[in-house]
Amino acid sequence: MEKTGYTFAELHGKDHLVDEIRQLENRLKEETGETITLIAYEKEDAGYGNHS
């Protein structure tokens, strides 16, 4: 699987967003019966946002 142009999203200090991702993973498992892991990426060349 190629993901050129993307990097892992920086979610440190954004626990509420990580919690939302986990809740959606749980909902997907309930509805599909399968364990699904969501991975957050962001475009490398987005040119905006502050990761500090």
N, C-alpha and C. Protein backbone atom coordinates (compact mmCIF):
# COMPACT_ATOMS: atom_id res chain seq x y z
N MET A 1 0.85 -1.18 0.00
CA MET A 1 0.00 0.00 0.00
C MET A 1 0.89 1.24 0.00
N GLU A 2 0.76 2.04 -0.99
CA GLU A 2 1.56 3.25 -1.10
C GLU A 2 0.78 4.45 -0.58
N LYS A 3 1.48 5.28 0.19
CA LYS A 3 0.85 6.47 0.74
C LYS A 3 1.73 7.69 0.51
N THR A 4 2.30 7.79 -0.66
CA THR A 4 3.17 8.90 -1.02
C THR A 4 2.45 10.22 -0.82
N GLY A 5 3.16 11.18 -0.21
CA GLY A 5 2.58 12.49 0.01
C GLY A 5 1.83 12.61 1.32
N TYR A 6 1.86 11.57 2.13
CA TYR A 6 1.16 11.60 3.41
C TYR A 6 2.12 11.23 4.54
N THR A 7 1.83 11.74 5.72
CA THR A 7 2.58 11.40 6.92
C THR A 7 1.57 11.18 8.04
N PHE A 8 1.97 10.52 9.09
CA PHE A 8 1.06 10.31 10.21
C PHE A 8 0.63 11.66 10.76
N ALA A 9 -0.64 11.79 11.08
CA ALA A 9 -1.16 13.03 11.66
C ALA A 9 -0.63 13.18 13.08
N GLU A 10 -0.29 14.39 13.43
CA GLU A 10 0.20 14.70 14.77
C GLU A 10 -1.00 14.96 15.68
N LEU A 11 -1.27 14.01 16.57
CA LEU A 11 -2.44 14.13 17.44
C LEU A 11 -2.06 14.24 18.92
N HIS A 12 -0.77 14.41 19.20
CA HIS A 12 -0.35 14.59 20.59
C HIS A 12 -1.01 15.84 21.17
N GLY A 13 -1.55 15.71 22.37
CA GLY A 13 -2.22 16.82 23.02
C GLY A 13 -3.65 17.02 22.54
N LYS A 14 -4.11 16.14 21.68
CA LYS A 14 -5.49 16.24 21.16
C LYS A 14 -6.24 14.96 21.52
N ASP A 15 -6.24 14.68 22.82
CA ASP A 15 -6.82 13.43 23.32
C ASP A 15 -8.28 13.27 22.93
N HIS A 16 -9.02 14.37 22.83
CA HIS A 16 -10.43 14.27 22.46
C HIS A 16 -10.59 13.72 21.05
N LEU A 17 -9.66 14.03 20.16
CA LEU A 17 -9.73 13.50 18.80
C LEU A 17 -9.39 12.01 18.78
N VAL A 18 -8.39 11.62 19.56
CA VAL A 18 -8.03 10.21 19.66
C VAL A 18 -9.20 9.42 20.23
N ASP A 19 -9.87 9.98 21.23
CA ASP A 19 -11.04 9.33 21.81
C ASP A 19 -12.14 9.14 20.76
N GLU A 20 -12.36 10.14 19.92
CA GLU A 20 -13.37 10.02 18.87
C GLU A 20 -13.02 8.91 17.88
N ILE A 21 -11.75 8.80 17.55
CA ILE A 21 -11.31 7.73 16.64
C ILE A 21 -11.56 6.37 17.28
N ARG A 22 -11.24 6.24 18.56
CA ARG A 22 -11.46 4.97 19.26
C ARG A 22 -12.95 4.63 19.34
N GLN A 23 -13.78 5.63 19.58
CA GLN A 23 -15.22 5.39 19.62
C GLN A 23 -15.73 4.90 18.27
N LEU A 24 -15.23 5.50 17.19
CA LEU A 24 -15.65 5.06 15.87
C LEU A 24 -15.15 3.65 15.58
N GLU A 25 -13.93 3.33 16.00
CA GLU A 25 -13.43 1.96 15.84
C GLU A 25 -14.35 0.97 16.55
N ASN A 26 -14.77 1.32 17.77
CA ASN A 26 -15.67 0.43 18.52
C ASN A 26 -17.02 0.28 17.82
N ARG A 27 -17.54 1.38 17.30
CA ARG A 27 -18.83 1.32 16.59
C ARG A 27 -18.72 0.46 15.33
N LEU A 28 -17.63 0.62 14.61
CA LEU A 28 -17.42 -0.20 13.41
C LEU A 28 -17.34 -1.68 13.77
N LYS A 29 -16.67 -1.99 14.88
CA LYS A 29 -16.58 -3.39 15.31
C LYS A 29 -17.96 -3.94 15.66
N GLU A 30 -18.76 -3.14 16.36
CA GLU A 30 -20.12 -3.57 16.71
C GLU A 30 -20.97 -3.83 15.47
N GLU A 31 -20.84 -2.96 14.48
CA GLU A 31 -21.69 -3.07 13.29
C GLU A 31 -21.20 -4.11 12.28
N THR A 32 -19.88 -4.36 12.25
CA THR A 32 -19.34 -5.29 11.25
C THR A 32 -18.92 -6.63 11.84
N GLY A 33 -18.67 -6.65 13.15
CA GLY A 33 -18.17 -7.87 13.76
C GLY A 33 -16.68 -8.06 13.54
N GLU A 34 -16.04 -7.11 12.92
CA GLU A 34 -14.61 -7.17 12.63
C GLU A 34 -13.88 -6.09 13.40
N THR A 35 -12.64 -6.38 13.79
CA THR A 35 -11.81 -5.35 14.42
C THR A 35 -11.25 -4.47 13.33
N ILE A 36 -11.53 -3.18 13.40
CA ILE A 36 -11.08 -2.22 12.40
C ILE A 36 -10.23 -1.17 13.10
N THR A 37 -9.07 -0.90 12.55
CA THR A 37 -8.17 0.11 13.10
C THR A 37 -8.10 1.28 12.13
N LEU A 38 -8.41 2.46 12.63
CA LEU A 38 -8.33 3.67 11.81
C LEU A 38 -6.96 4.32 12.04
N ILE A 39 -6.36 4.79 10.96
CA ILE A 39 -5.05 5.42 11.01
C ILE A 39 -5.18 6.82 10.44
N ALA A 40 -4.72 7.81 11.18
CA ALA A 40 -4.85 9.21 10.76
C ALA A 40 -3.59 9.66 10.02
N TYR A 41 -3.78 10.11 8.80
CA TYR A 41 -2.71 10.68 7.98
C TYR A 41 -3.06 12.12 7.64
N GLU A 42 -2.05 12.88 7.30
CA GLU A 42 -2.26 14.22 6.77
C GLU A 42 -1.37 14.39 5.56
N LYS A 43 -1.80 15.23 4.62
CA LYS A 43 -1.00 15.50 3.43
C LYS A 43 0.27 16.23 3.84
N GLU A 44 1.40 15.78 3.33
CA GLU A 44 2.68 16.41 3.68
C GLU A 44 2.77 17.83 3.15
N ASP A 45 2.18 18.09 2.01
CA ASP A 45 2.33 19.41 1.37
C ASP A 45 1.11 20.30 1.63
N ALA A 46 0.41 20.07 2.75
CA ALA A 46 -0.79 20.86 3.02
C ALA A 46 -0.46 22.34 3.13
N GLY A 47 0.71 22.68 3.65
CA GLY A 47 1.13 24.07 3.71
C GLY A 47 0.45 24.89 4.78
N TYR A 48 -0.26 24.25 5.66
CA TYR A 48 -0.91 24.98 6.74
C TYR A 48 -0.89 24.11 7.99
N GLY A 49 -1.21 24.71 9.12
CA GLY A 49 -1.25 23.98 10.37
C GLY A 49 0.06 24.15 11.11
N ASN A 50 -0.04 24.05 12.43
CA ASN A 50 1.12 24.19 13.26
C ASN A 50 1.24 22.93 14.10
N HIS A 51 2.36 22.25 14.00
CA HIS A 51 2.53 20.97 14.72
C HIS A 51 3.34 21.13 15.98
N SER A 52 3.51 22.33 16.47
CA SER A 52 4.31 22.50 17.68
C SER A 52 3.47 22.45 18.93
